[in-house]
């Protein structure tokens, strides 16, 4: 969450930030963005795509490691217990049934939730309320904080673990706040009832257009109070449990237990194994990013769009390059046995593609023809990604009427890059030399907007159904 104070720094849940740079960390297990990007539902819960499942699991593991490391290095971490968000994620496994055209593929999914990002076995259960009291023991360090913020705090979950409680429901003594101290440092992990950090009164409204959305004085006052309270809490925790750093002389091997030496050797072996696994993981992450780059055809512009176009053209079967010398620069030069083409790429945020790039493309064709090794003009192709920030189904005509008319005069092929994505995706997933040839010929023979041949129906269709992972 954000605070209206320059002393604090905000990072997204999807960030790979290390928490070791800070002394006090405020964390909220909020994964609402993943729910917005859900692919489907399973047993009434949101179900994520393979890609989003991988991202969520990786980010949750990242924060588990970072929070644990921060506490072990003497930091104070405050977890604000937001609502439990159950969902289903892909396991990477699939089941096949049937044969031939009747074969069905079923994704195997498993249950997951936002609390997987916290390195404690909290066992949260959704339950809402505001009637909260300090526990009889272990609450001294948060008493001043609770006096300041109890009125704006409310519990969203009840904790069923055996962790040390510091806050309870007024009736029933259910645990809604816990404290966990590190045995090896002065660090501590506190789980506290949730707070709304973004009430409407914290933001300037539309009545002040110039400053709309900025923090109000009330928000800044709240942030100042919060910072004072958690710094006071940090001092209280340190004074009540100060650990003396181990002196160098005490680290001598003669003072080490035999079991400690054995455990250290085990740890060394585990660390080596982790290095191998981490290297494999990073290689797979790079592969996933490279494969996902093709989706830039749907929403990118500039260099990222150009690189995605080059990838797609290679998949279709063209030999592809970018030409750049002291006199000329072409976005794409691509050729096959069917012919040679030169392309220019253009992405527009909220407009159709106009004739501007056609002028540049005509100059490129002329400059290319002047080269000694070129005998005849290349086929001009304009790749356009218009209205790139809108959903594909909601986009108007990608090229202006004037652009289409001019393309007819210059025999230019106009390619809407999302159309290119669909055929490249099909050909990447399945080798189909005959279909690839048809697509190459469509580029070479089209004048005006290119209508690629329909993507063949795949023999194996993936079931929309998902299946719980078997224990």
Foldseek 3Di string as FASTA:
>chain_A
DDFQDPVDDDDDLLDLDAPQVDQEEEDELDDVVQQVQFDDAAPRAGEHDQVSLVSLVVSLVSLQVRVVVSQLAQHEYEYAYDAKHKHKYFPPDWDWDDDWLPIAIFTAIAIDISCSSHNDQFPKDFDKDLQKDFDPPDQPLQVVVCVVCSVQFMAGIFGDDPAAAGMAHPPPRTGRKHKDHDPNYLGIYIYHGHGPLDDPQQFDDVVPVVRGGHGDVVSNVVSVVVVVSVVSSSVVSCVVDPDDPDDPVCPDPVNDDPVNVVVVVVVVVVVVVVVVVVVVVVVVVVVVVVVCLLCCLQFHFDPSNLVNVQLLLVLLPWDWDWDDDPPDTFSIWTDDPVFTETEDEGEEQADAAECPVVVVQVVRQVVVCPDPVHDDTHAYEYEYAYNRVDDPVPDDDRYDPNNQVVQQVVVYEYESSVVSSVVSVLSVVPPDNVLSVQQVVQRVRDGGYGDRPDDDDDSYDYDPHHHYDDD
